Amino acid sequence: MAEVTSKPEGLTGARVDESDPLIALGGALRAPAAPVESENIAIVRRAFEAFERRDLDALAELTDPHVELFAPTAVLANEGRCYRGHGGLARYLLDVERTWASLQVIPQKFRETGNHVVCLGHVAAKARDGLEVDSPTAWVWELCAGKLRWGCVYADPGETFMGLSLAGDLETPVAGAFAAAASQPARVA
């Protein structure tokens, strides 16, 4: 333990362990810096923000021209087919507008694994026909050259999904998670 000569008020004579998560610097206790978010997670966050605004131009800027999106809305409005390319994104936004009176996505936890970003969160929606959805949801995005290339929405992903959990701060190992998730089709809640 190293003794600090300049101590914050109230710590007179106290010894401070500089290897402790709270470090004495210049006489003030400071918490360690928060981890820096990866560029891929930042891109996925911007895509969620653009979707919330229903901003096709921003989504097109963030996605590969040949992007593929698998979303539960497709089951209700696009014969279950994925949305392909920027034209598919435009169709998706139109289908969202036609199908849902309200649709709010709330991303909460992110994890990057290789060129994929996994996100757990929540969806609250009300369809124009009265169907209400209030469900935990998972999103998996593949990125290539800084663009979203592939995305899949998993309605009702369970308690843990690909190493993430919404229950407290519990996180489980990711090993084998992509293989397990790839075998799960997107479901409508």
Protein backbone atom coordinates (compact mmCIF):
# COMPACT_ATOMS: atom_id res chain seq x y z
CA MET A 1 0.00 0.00 0.00
CA ALA A 2 1.38 3.41 -0.90
CA GLU A 3 0.71 6.32 1.37
CA VAL A 4 -0.54 9.49 -0.29
CA THR A 5 0.84 12.73 1.07
CA SER A 6 -2.06 14.95 -0.07
CA LYS A 7 -5.24 13.49 1.35
CA PRO A 8 -8.86 14.55 0.86
CA GLU A 9 -10.51 16.15 3.87
CA GLY A 10 -11.48 13.56 6.46
CA LEU A 11 -8.74 11.09 5.50
CA THR A 12 -5.98 12.50 7.72
CA GLY A 13 -3.62 9.69 8.62
CA ALA A 14 -5.46 7.19 6.38
CA ARG A 15 -3.53 5.04 3.96
CA VAL A 16 -4.87 4.67 0.42
CA ASP A 17 -4.25 1.61 -1.73
CA GLU A 18 -3.48 3.07 -5.17
CA SER A 19 -4.36 -0.24 -6.85
CA ASP A 20 -7.91 0.02 -5.48
CA PRO A 21 -10.69 0.84 -8.03
CA LEU A 22 -10.97 4.25 -6.37
CA ILE A 23 -7.55 5.85 -6.79
CA ALA A 24 -6.16 8.87 -4.96
CA LEU A 25 -5.00 11.40 -7.57
CA GLY A 26 -3.98 14.93 -6.69
CA GLY A 27 -5.68 14.63 -3.33
CA ALA A 28 -9.11 13.71 -4.72
CA LEU A 29 -10.63 10.26 -5.06
CA ARG A 30 -11.66 9.47 -8.61
CA ALA A 31 -13.42 6.47 -10.04
CA PRO A 32 -11.73 4.65 -12.93
CA ALA A 33 -12.74 5.81 -16.41
CA ALA A 34 -15.69 4.07 -18.02
CA PRO A 35 -14.76 1.64 -20.79
CA VAL A 36 -14.64 3.21 -24.24
CA GLU A 37 -17.48 2.07 -26.49
CA SER A 38 -16.42 0.34 -29.71
CA GLU A 39 -17.12 1.92 -33.10
CA ASN A 40 -19.39 -1.01 -34.04
CA ILE A 41 -21.55 -0.55 -30.94
CA ALA A 42 -21.70 3.19 -31.66
CA ILE A 43 -22.92 2.44 -35.21
CA VAL A 44 -25.64 0.12 -33.88
CA ARG A 45 -26.72 2.79 -31.35
CA ARG A 46 -26.97 5.35 -34.18
CA ALA A 47 -29.10 2.89 -36.17
CA PHE A 48 -31.50 2.51 -33.23
CA GLU A 49 -31.70 6.31 -32.97
CA ALA A 50 -32.36 6.62 -36.72
CA PHE A 51 -35.06 3.94 -36.53
CA GLU A 52 -36.71 5.74 -33.60
CA ARG A 53 -36.93 8.86 -35.85
CA ARG A 54 -37.93 6.66 -38.83
CA ASP A 55 -35.05 8.38 -40.69
CA LEU A 56 -34.45 6.40 -43.90
CA ASP A 57 -31.54 8.62 -45.02
CA ALA A 58 -29.66 8.04 -41.75
CA LEU A 59 -30.39 4.29 -41.89
CA ALA A 60 -29.15 4.09 -45.48
CA GLU A 61 -25.96 5.89 -44.46
CA LEU A 62 -25.34 3.33 -41.69
CA THR A 63 -26.09 0.22 -43.76
CA ASP A 64 -24.49 -1.71 -46.58
CA PRO A 65 -26.42 -1.28 -49.87
CA HIS A 66 -27.17 -5.04 -49.74
CA VAL A 67 -28.23 -5.14 -46.06
CA GLU A 68 -30.63 -7.89 -44.98
CA LEU A 69 -33.02 -7.34 -42.06
CA PHE A 70 -35.11 -10.11 -40.52
CA ALA A 71 -37.81 -8.57 -38.31
CA PRO A 72 -41.13 -9.77 -36.83
CA THR A 73 -42.93 -7.00 -38.75
CA ALA A 74 -42.12 -8.99 -41.91
CA VAL A 75 -44.37 -11.81 -40.70
CA LEU A 76 -47.26 -9.37 -40.35
CA ALA A 77 -46.67 -7.21 -43.43
CA ASN A 78 -44.09 -8.69 -45.85
CA GLU A 79 -45.15 -12.35 -46.24
CA GLY A 80 -42.39 -13.31 -43.78
CA ARG A 81 -39.61 -12.30 -46.16
CA CYS A 82 -36.55 -10.40 -45.04
CA TYR A 83 -36.06 -6.78 -46.05
CA ARG A 84 -33.15 -6.48 -48.53
CA GLY A 85 -31.12 -3.44 -49.48
CA HIS A 86 -31.93 0.21 -48.96
CA GLY A 87 -35.20 -0.31 -50.84
CA GLY A 88 -36.03 -3.03 -48.33
CA LEU A 89 -35.36 -0.62 -45.47
CA ALA A 90 -37.77 1.86 -47.06
CA ARG A 91 -40.36 -0.93 -47.33
CA TYR A 92 -39.70 -1.88 -43.68
CA LEU A 93 -40.35 1.67 -42.49
CA LEU A 94 -43.58 1.76 -44.53
CA ASP A 95 -44.63 -1.61 -43.10
CA VAL A 96 -43.90 -0.34 -39.58
CA GLU A 97 -46.06 2.73 -40.25
CA ARG A 98 -48.91 0.64 -41.71
CA THR A 99 -48.78 -2.15 -39.10
CA TRP A 100 -48.05 -0.37 -35.82
CA ALA A 101 -49.93 2.52 -34.24
CA SER A 102 -46.87 2.80 -32.01
CA LEU A 103 -43.58 0.91 -31.92
CA GLN A 104 -40.85 1.78 -29.48
CA VAL A 105 -37.57 -0.14 -29.30
CA ILE A 106 -35.50 0.29 -26.16
CA PRO A 107 -31.96 -1.07 -26.52
CA GLN A 108 -30.39 -1.62 -23.09
CA LYS A 109 -27.26 -3.82 -23.20
CA PHE A 110 -24.71 -4.23 -25.95
CA ARG A 111 -21.90 -6.70 -26.55
CA GLU A 112 -19.50 -6.89 -29.46
CA THR A 113 -18.25 -10.30 -30.56
CA GLY A 114 -16.01 -10.21 -33.61
CA ASN A 115 -17.88 -8.38 -36.36
CA HIS A 116 -21.26 -8.83 -34.62
CA VAL A 117 -23.04 -6.65 -32.08
CA VAL A 118 -25.64 -8.27 -29.84
CA CYS A 119 -28.16 -6.07 -28.09
CA LEU A 120 -30.77 -6.91 -25.49
CA GLY A 121 -33.63 -4.59 -24.79
CA HIS A 122 -37.35 -4.20 -24.88
CA VAL A 123 -40.10 -3.54 -27.42
CA ALA A 124 -43.40 -1.87 -26.58
CA ALA A 125 -45.86 -1.73 -29.47
CA LYS A 126 -49.50 -1.52 -30.36
CA ALA A 127 -50.67 -2.75 -33.75
CA ARG A 128 -53.32 -0.91 -35.69
CA ASP A 129 -55.62 -3.94 -35.21
CA GLY A 130 -55.27 -3.70 -31.40
CA LEU A 131 -52.56 -6.35 -30.81
CA GLU A 132 -50.25 -5.20 -28.02
CA VAL A 133 -46.65 -6.32 -27.63
CA ASP A 134 -44.59 -5.70 -24.52
CA SER A 135 -41.60 -7.99 -24.71
CA PRO A 136 -37.90 -8.42 -24.07
CA THR A 137 -36.18 -8.44 -27.45
CA ALA A 138 -32.73 -9.23 -28.81
CA TRP A 139 -31.06 -7.85 -31.91
CA VAL A 140 -28.00 -9.26 -33.64
CA TRP A 141 -26.16 -7.13 -36.18
CA GLU A 142 -23.28 -8.08 -38.46
CA LEU A 143 -21.03 -5.24 -39.58
CA CYS A 144 -18.59 -5.04 -42.47
CA ALA A 145 -16.38 -2.03 -43.22
CA GLY A 146 -18.28 0.11 -40.71
CA LYS A 147 -21.73 -0.65 -42.19
CA LEU A 148 -24.60 -2.82 -40.96
CA ARG A 149 -24.76 -5.76 -43.35
CA TRP A 150 -27.18 -8.16 -41.66
CA GLY A 151 -29.64 -7.85 -38.79
CA CYS A 152 -32.09 -10.12 -37.06
CA VAL A 153 -34.66 -9.34 -34.37
CA TYR A 154 -35.43 -12.06 -31.84
CA ALA A 155 -38.75 -11.52 -30.07
CA ASP A 156 -38.92 -13.14 -26.62
CA PRO A 157 -35.22 -14.17 -26.44
CA GLY A 158 -35.48 -15.74 -22.97
CA GLU A 159 -33.62 -14.80 -19.79
CA THR A 160 -30.18 -14.77 -21.40
CA PHE A 161 -29.24 -14.38 -25.02
CA MET A 162 -25.75 -14.72 -26.46
CA GLY A 163 -24.13 -13.96 -23.12
CA LEU A 164 -26.35 -11.02 -22.12
CA SER A 165 -29.12 -10.85 -19.56
CA LEU A 166 -31.57 -8.12 -18.62
CA ALA A 167 -31.86 -9.57 -15.10
CA GLY A 168 -29.58 -7.37 -12.99
CA ASP A 169 -26.09 -7.16 -14.38
CA LEU A 170 -25.64 -10.90 -14.83
CA GLU A 171 -23.64 -11.74 -17.91
CA THR A 172 -22.82 -15.28 -19.02
CA PRO A 173 -20.08 -16.57 -21.35
CA VAL A 174 -20.61 -16.09 -25.07
CA ALA A 175 -18.99 -19.37 -26.21
CA GLY A 176 -21.23 -21.17 -28.68
CA ALA A 177 -23.90 -18.49 -28.47
CA PHE A 178 -23.88 -17.57 -32.16
CA ALA A 179 -24.41 -21.22 -33.15
CA ALA A 180 -27.32 -21.50 -30.71
CA ALA A 181 -28.90 -18.23 -31.83
CA ALA A 182 -28.52 -19.04 -35.51
CA SER A 183 -30.76 -22.06 -35.00
CA GLN A 184 -33.55 -19.89 -33.50
CA PRO A 185 -35.94 -18.30 -36.00
CA ALA A 186 -37.19 -14.81 -35.28
CA ARG A 187 -40.55 -15.08 -33.50
CA VAL A 188 -43.42 -12.69 -33.10
CA ALA A 189 -44.46 -12.19 -29.49
